[in-house]
Amino acid sequence: GKMASALLVAWGKRIAMFLVGLFFGGLTLIPILWAIVRSFGGVLKKKTHAKPAITEVGEHIFVHANGIKFHTVQAGSRDKPLMLFLHGFPQCWYTWRHQLNQFKSTHHAVAFDMRGYGESDKPADTAAYQPSELAADVAELVKALGHKSCVLVGHDWGAAIAWAVAHKYPEIIDRLIIMNAPHPRYFQKNMSFTQFRKSWYIFMFQLPLLPELMMSLKDFAAIKNAFVGRTGVTNPACFSPEDLEMYKYAISQPGALTAALNYYRNVWRPLELRGKITAPTLVLWGENDHALGAELNNGLEHTVTKLTYRPFPNVSHWVPEEVPGVVCEEILRFLEAK
């Protein structure tokens, strides 16, 4: 019946994505092979990345939830309301260093390495990274941290998961804060040819091995370029060498890169996003995002009943780190609004 047809559609989607991925993969492979040949294999050399010396913004505590051991960084008192931060690809808890500092006085502020990232557990099975599992991680983690609900803050993949949590576990969300990740329903609805072209990497990431090779070449050059390259932040000074090293350290942990890519390898799975989101919701959007167009939010107010939308015209995809001060101000204003 219904389940079988949904599964059939999902598998059709998976096969189609894989085929498009093969096309983009072919285009990617040519420059990769050329780089390998030209450097006599030098670009394949793996460096080990030690944890850089960073200013500590909280206490590092391992927390078990939903069968996973999570590396959390906690700031502020536990008897204050929980503010939980979800990072995106290819990052780790460190995305939220500025916000942890800002909100530790009013909240139990907690950022963590999502499943598969940094120092958290990395299940080997690709299916362990499907959206329903990632949403369950958040719901269970709220409980494991000793709270019933939270202000949930997400960026990129973290925000995509936060959208899913808002539909599946509405009771755990007091307020929802989203940065540069479209609601899955409107990502599909507002898909254009331009956006399809911008999303080439999502298709390419469906392939085995090649994405891992592409991302790790020249000591994770693709990761550095994502932040401070041509399509990165408007002002590269907002990522220090230590910041970049922190992300390389996190993604170079054994199994972390494949785990991070496995989030993309599960996008074809159907996810039930029934009903409306009634929690007050703030969407902050850097409009200089080279991968996601702001038009993907068109119509969002039909699903999110209490929506505040704040576009930032000259800000890239990396909103929490490019304009941390403005982000904190917007969040503060949103939390104080009745």
Protein backbone atom coordinates (compact mmCIF):
# COMPACT_ATOMS: atom_id res chain seq x y z
CA GLY A 1 0.00 0.00 0.00
CA LYS A 2 1.11 3.49 0.97
CA MET A 3 4.39 2.37 2.59
CA ALA A 4 5.40 0.33 -0.46
CA SER A 5 4.74 3.18 -2.90
CA ALA A 6 6.62 5.67 -0.68
CA LEU A 7 9.57 3.26 -0.62
CA LEU A 8 9.41 2.83 -4.39
CA VAL A 9 9.45 6.61 -4.88
CA ALA A 10 12.38 6.92 -2.44
CA TRP A 11 14.41 4.29 -4.28
CA GLY A 12 13.58 5.92 -7.61
CA LYS A 13 14.89 9.18 -6.16
CA ARG A 14 18.02 7.43 -4.90
CA ILE A 15 18.80 5.93 -8.31
CA ALA A 16 18.16 9.24 -10.11
CA MET A 17 20.43 11.10 -7.66
CA PHE A 18 23.14 8.49 -8.11
CA LEU A 19 23.01 8.82 -11.91
CA VAL A 20 23.24 12.62 -11.75
CA GLY A 21 26.05 12.10 -9.23
CA LEU A 22 27.93 9.98 -11.77
CA PHE A 23 27.80 12.87 -14.24
CA PHE A 24 29.11 15.43 -11.74
CA GLY A 25 31.55 12.83 -10.40
CA GLY A 26 33.00 12.41 -13.88
CA LEU A 27 33.52 16.16 -14.16
CA THR A 28 35.20 16.21 -10.73
CA LEU A 29 37.41 13.22 -11.39
CA ILE A 30 39.30 14.82 -14.30
CA PRO A 31 40.88 17.70 -12.29
CA ILE A 32 41.51 15.31 -9.36
CA LEU A 33 43.46 12.84 -11.52
CA TRP A 34 45.37 15.70 -13.15
CA ALA A 35 46.33 17.08 -9.69
CA ILE A 36 47.51 13.62 -8.58
CA VAL A 37 49.63 13.13 -11.72
CA ARG A 38 51.06 16.64 -11.67
CA SER A 39 52.16 16.37 -8.03
CA PHE A 40 53.47 12.78 -8.43
CA GLY A 41 50.88 11.74 -5.85
CA GLY A 42 51.92 14.46 -3.41
CA VAL A 43 48.33 15.74 -3.08
CA LEU A 44 47.36 12.36 -1.59
CA LYS A 45 49.73 12.66 1.39
CA LYS A 46 47.82 12.63 4.66
CA LYS A 47 48.88 14.95 7.47
CA THR A 48 47.90 14.26 11.04
CA HIS A 49 46.15 17.16 12.69
CA ALA A 50 46.64 17.72 16.40
CA LYS A 51 43.97 19.63 18.31
CA PRO A 52 44.99 23.31 18.03
CA ALA A 53 45.33 25.49 21.11
CA ILE A 54 41.99 27.31 21.30
CA THR A 55 40.39 29.56 23.89
CA GLU A 56 38.15 27.27 25.92
CA VAL A 57 34.54 28.43 26.00
CA GLY A 58 33.05 25.60 28.06
CA GLU A 59 33.49 22.24 29.73
CA HIS A 60 34.06 19.17 27.52
CA ILE A 61 31.71 16.41 28.69
CA PHE A 62 30.82 13.10 27.02
CA VAL A 63 27.08 12.39 27.12
CA HIS A 64 25.33 9.14 26.08
CA ALA A 65 22.05 9.47 24.17
CA ASN A 66 20.24 7.33 21.57
CA GLY A 67 23.02 4.73 21.69
CA ILE A 68 25.75 7.27 20.80
CA LYS A 69 28.47 8.85 22.93
CA PHE A 70 28.39 12.58 22.15
CA HIS A 71 31.23 15.03 22.72
CA THR A 72 29.52 18.11 24.19
CA VAL A 73 30.87 21.51 25.18
CA GLN A 74 28.77 23.01 27.94
CA ALA A 75 28.77 26.55 29.28
CA GLY A 76 26.57 28.21 31.89
CA SER A 77 24.59 26.80 34.77
CA ARG A 78 22.55 23.59 34.39
CA ASP A 79 19.56 25.01 36.21
CA LYS A 80 19.12 27.67 33.50
CA PRO A 81 17.02 26.91 30.36
CA LEU A 82 18.80 24.78 27.76
CA MET A 83 20.05 26.34 24.52
CA LEU A 84 21.24 23.53 22.23
CA PHE A 85 23.39 24.24 19.16
CA LEU A 86 23.58 21.99 16.07
CA HIS A 87 26.45 22.51 13.61
CA GLY A 88 26.59 21.70 9.90
CA PHE A 89 28.96 20.27 7.27
CA PRO A 90 31.98 20.09 7.45
CA GLN A 91 32.25 21.52 10.96
CA CYS A 92 31.95 20.55 14.65
CA TRP A 93 30.81 22.06 17.97
CA TYR A 94 33.37 24.87 17.45
CA THR A 95 31.02 26.64 14.98
CA TRP A 96 29.22 28.00 18.05
CA ARG A 97 32.19 29.31 20.10
CA HIS A 98 30.98 32.95 19.94
CA GLN A 99 27.36 32.07 20.81
CA LEU A 100 28.34 29.79 23.75
CA ASN A 101 30.26 32.73 25.18
CA GLN A 102 27.34 35.10 24.71
CA PHE A 103 24.54 32.92 26.10
CA LYS A 104 26.26 31.13 29.00
CA SER A 105 25.10 33.86 31.40
CA THR A 106 21.38 33.30 30.67
CA HIS A 107 21.27 29.64 29.53
CA HIS A 108 22.73 26.19 29.91
CA ALA A 109 24.43 26.63 26.51
CA VAL A 110 25.50 23.35 24.89
CA ALA A 111 27.14 22.69 21.52
CA PHE A 112 28.18 19.18 20.49
CA ASP A 113 29.81 17.18 17.72
CA MET A 114 26.87 15.68 15.85
CA ARG A 115 26.81 11.90 15.27
CA GLY A 116 29.82 10.96 13.12
CA TYR A 117 31.70 14.22 13.67
CA GLY A 118 34.78 15.22 15.65
CA GLU A 119 35.03 13.31 18.92
CA SER A 120 31.51 11.82 18.93
CA ASP A 121 30.79 8.19 18.01
CA LYS A 122 30.82 7.27 14.32
CA PRO A 123 28.62 4.27 13.49
CA ALA A 124 29.93 2.46 10.39
CA ASP A 125 26.53 1.81 8.79
CA THR A 126 25.49 4.43 6.19
CA ALA A 127 21.83 4.11 7.26
CA ALA A 128 22.82 5.22 10.79
CA TYR A 129 22.88 8.79 9.41
CA GLN A 130 19.31 8.97 8.15
CA PRO A 131 17.38 12.11 9.18
CA SER A 132 15.05 10.23 11.57
CA GLU A 133 18.07 8.97 13.58
CA LEU A 134 19.66 12.43 13.64
CA ALA A 135 16.40 14.00 14.87
CA ALA A 136 16.11 11.30 17.57
CA ASP A 137 19.68 12.15 18.69
CA VAL A 138 18.54 15.69 19.48
CA ALA A 139 15.38 14.64 21.33
CA GLU A 140 17.32 12.10 23.44
CA LEU A 141 20.19 14.51 24.09
CA VAL A 142 17.83 17.13 25.53
CA LYS A 143 16.69 14.51 28.08
CA ALA A 144 20.23 13.25 28.75
CA LEU A 145 21.30 16.85 29.51
CA GLY A 146 18.61 16.96 32.20
CA HIS A 147 16.01 19.14 30.41
CA LYS A 148 12.50 18.73 29.05
CA SER A 149 12.81 21.31 26.26
CA CYS A 150 15.22 23.82 24.75
CA VAL A 151 15.87 26.75 22.50
CA LEU A 152 17.13 24.82 19.47
CA VAL A 153 19.68 26.56 17.23
CA GLY A 154 20.94 25.06 13.97
CA HIS A 155 23.11 25.99 11.00
CA ASP A 156 23.37 24.16 7.65
CA TRP A 157 22.85 20.38 8.26
CA GLY A 158 22.26 21.14 11.93
CA ALA A 159 19.38 23.41 10.93
CA ALA A 160 18.01 20.81 8.47
CA ILE A 161 17.87 18.38 11.41
CA ALA A 162 16.33 21.11 13.62
CA TRP A 163 13.47 21.46 11.06
CA ALA A 164 12.87 17.70 11.33
CA VAL A 165 12.94 17.86 15.15
CA ALA A 166 10.37 20.67 15.11
CA HIS A 167 7.93 18.44 13.22
CA LYS A 168 8.68 15.15 14.96
CA TYR A 169 9.30 16.28 18.55
CA PRO A 170 7.51 19.64 18.87
CA GLU A 171 7.22 19.25 22.66
CA ILE A 172 10.98 19.67 23.16
CA ILE A 173 11.23 23.02 21.34
CA ASP A 174 10.50 26.31 23.14
CA ARG A 175 11.94 28.39 20.31
CA LEU A 176 13.60 27.46 17.03
CA ILE A 177 16.50 29.33 15.42
CA ILE A 178 17.60 28.40 11.89
CA MET A 179 20.58 29.66 9.87
CA ASN A 180 21.06 29.02 6.16
CA ALA A 181 19.18 25.77 5.73
CA PRO A 182 15.88 25.67 3.88
CA HIS A 183 12.92 23.73 5.22
CA PRO A 184 13.01 20.39 3.29
CA ARG A 185 9.46 20.93 1.99
CA TYR A 186 10.33 24.34 0.51
CA PHE A 187 13.73 23.19 -0.75
CA GLN A 188 11.80 20.84 -3.06
CA LYS A 189 8.98 23.29 -3.83
CA ASN A 190 11.32 26.16 -4.74
CA MET A 191 13.87 24.07 -6.66
CA SER A 192 14.90 25.86 -9.87
CA PHE A 193 17.44 24.99 -12.55
CA THR A 194 19.82 27.54 -11.00
CA GLN A 195 19.47 25.91 -7.58
CA PHE A 196 19.81 22.44 -9.13
CA ARG A 197 23.18 23.51 -10.59
CA LYS A 198 24.25 24.97 -7.23
CA SER A 199 23.38 21.63 -5.59
CA TRP A 200 25.75 19.61 -7.82
CA TYR A 201 27.81 18.50 -4.80
CA ILE A 202 24.77 16.84 -3.15
CA PHE A 203 24.50 14.54 -6.18
CA MET A 204 28.23 13.95 -6.36
CA PHE A 205 28.29 13.04 -2.64
CA GLN A 206 25.99 10.05 -3.43
CA LEU A 207 28.95 8.25 -4.99
CA PRO A 208 31.26 6.04 -2.94
CA LEU A 209 34.92 7.00 -2.26
CA LEU A 210 35.26 9.85 -4.80
CA PRO A 211 33.79 12.51 -2.46
CA GLU A 212 36.16 11.39 0.32
CA LEU A 213 39.09 11.71 -2.10
CA MET A 214 37.96 15.13 -3.33
CA MET A 215 37.46 16.55 0.18
CA SER A 216 40.76 15.23 1.60
CA LEU A 217 43.11 16.11 -1.30
CA LYS A 218 45.97 18.52 -0.54
CA ASP A 219 45.40 18.18 3.19
CA PHE A 220 41.67 18.99 3.10
CA ALA A 221 42.11 21.98 0.77
CA ALA A 222 38.40 21.76 -0.19
CA ILE A 223 37.43 22.34 3.43
CA LYS A 224 39.67 25.37 3.80
CA ASN A 225 38.35 26.74 0.46
CA ALA A 226 34.75 26.28 1.57
CA PHE A 227 35.40 28.78 4.36
CA VAL A 228 37.92 31.28 2.94
CA GLY A 229 38.00 30.48 -0.79
CA ARG A 230 36.19 32.16 -3.67
CA THR A 231 32.77 30.94 -2.50
CA GLY A 232 33.49 31.35 1.21
CA VAL A 233 33.11 34.25 3.62
CA THR A 234 33.02 37.83 2.42
CA ASN A 235 35.71 38.63 4.99
CA PRO A 236 38.27 35.77 5.34
CA ALA A 237 39.73 37.35 8.50
CA CYS A 238 36.82 35.90 10.51
CA PHE A 239 38.51 32.46 10.27
CA SER A 240 41.91 32.43 11.98
CA PRO A 241 44.50 29.76 11.08
CA GLU A 242 43.58 28.05 14.41
CA ASP A 243 39.89 28.02 13.43
CA LEU A 244 40.68 26.31 10.12
CA GLU A 245 42.99 23.88 11.89
CA MET A 246 40.19 23.03 14.34
CA TYR A 247 37.89 21.99 11.47
CA LYS A 248 40.68 19.98 9.81
CA TYR A 249 41.36 18.27 13.14
CA ALA A 250 37.67 17.36 13.55
CA ILE A 251 37.15 16.04 10.00
CA SER A 252 40.45 14.12 9.99
CA GLN A 253 39.39 11.93 12.93
CA PRO A 254 39.17 8.28 11.75
CA GLY A 255 35.83 7.73 9.99
CA ALA A 256 34.65 11.35 10.37
CA LEU A 257 34.75 12.39 6.70
CA THR A 258 32.74 9.37 5.51
CA ALA A 259 30.28 9.84 8.38
CA ALA A 260 29.80 13.52 7.46
CA LEU A 261 29.20 12.59 3.81
CA ASN A 262 26.73 9.90 4.92
CA TYR A 263 24.31 12.68 5.94
CA TYR A 264 24.05 13.50 2.22
CA ARG A 265 23.88 9.81 1.28
CA ASN A 266 20.59 9.55 3.16
CA VAL A 267 18.76 12.55 1.69
CA TRP A 268 16.67 10.30 -0.57
CA ARG A 269 14.98 8.66 2.44
CA PRO A 270 11.40 9.81 3.02
CA LEU A 271 10.93 11.91 6.16
CA GLU A 272 7.49 12.61 7.58
CA LEU A 273 7.14 16.37 8.06
CA ARG A 274 3.46 16.57 8.90
CA GLY A 275 1.58 19.63 10.09
CA LYS A 276 2.77 23.09 10.97
CA ILE A 277 5.54 24.37 13.23
CA THR A 278 3.94 26.41 16.01
CA ALA A 279 7.06 27.24 18.04
CA PRO A 280 8.26 30.83 17.56
CA THR A 281 10.90 30.55 14.83
CA LEU A 282 13.73 32.86 13.78
CA VAL A 283 15.37 32.33 10.38
CA LEU A 284 18.68 34.15 9.83
CA TRP A 285 19.87 34.00 6.23
CA GLY A 286 23.20 35.08 4.73
CA GLU A 287 22.20 36.04 1.19
CA ASN A 288 25.72 35.69 -0.19
CA ASP A 289 25.40 31.89 0.08
CA HIS A 290 26.84 30.23 -3.03
CA ALA A 291 25.09 26.90 -2.43
CA LEU A 292 21.62 27.90 -1.21
CA GLY A 293 19.48 30.71 -2.67
CA ALA A 294 17.28 32.81 -0.35
CA GLU A 295 14.29 32.07 -2.63
CA LEU A 296 14.24 28.57 -1.09
CA ASN A 297 12.39 30.19 1.84
CA ASN A 298 9.47 31.33 -0.35
CA GLY A 299 6.17 30.20 1.21
CA LEU A 300 7.78 29.18 4.51
CA GLU A 301 5.21 31.23 6.48
CA HIS A 302 2.53 28.68 5.45
CA THR A 303 4.27 25.98 7.51
CA VAL A 304 5.88 28.11 10.23
CA THR A 305 3.08 30.00 11.93
CA LYS A 306 5.24 32.35 14.07
CA LEU A 307 8.06 33.22 11.68
CA THR A 308 10.64 36.00 11.98
CA TYR A 309 12.85 36.20 8.89
CA ARG A 310 16.10 38.21 8.91
CA PRO A 311 18.15 38.35 5.70
CA PHE A 312 21.80 39.52 5.82
CA PRO A 313 22.62 40.89 2.34
CA ASN A 314 26.44 40.73 2.30
CA VAL A 315 26.98 37.69 4.49
CA SER A 316 28.02 34.24 3.25
CA HIS A 317 26.73 30.80 4.23
CA TRP A 318 28.87 30.83 7.41
CA VAL A 319 26.60 33.20 9.33
CA PRO A 320 27.41 32.28 12.98
CA GLU A 321 31.11 32.95 12.43
CA GLU A 322 31.07 35.75 9.87
CA VAL A 323 28.79 38.05 11.86
CA PRO A 324 28.72 36.56 15.39
CA GLY A 325 27.84 39.89 17.03
CA VAL A 326 24.83 40.52 14.80
CA VAL A 327 23.70 36.89 15.19
CA CYS A 328 23.82 37.17 19.00
CA GLU A 329 21.90 40.48 18.90
CA GLU A 330 19.18 38.99 16.67
CA ILE A 331 18.87 35.93 18.91
CA LEU A 332 18.68 38.11 22.04
CA ARG A 333 15.96 40.29 20.51
CA PHE A 334 14.06 37.16 19.42
CA LEU A 335 14.29 35.56 22.89
CA GLU A 336 13.05 38.74 24.56
CA ALA A 337 10.09 39.15 22.19
CA LYS A 338 6.85 37.99 23.72
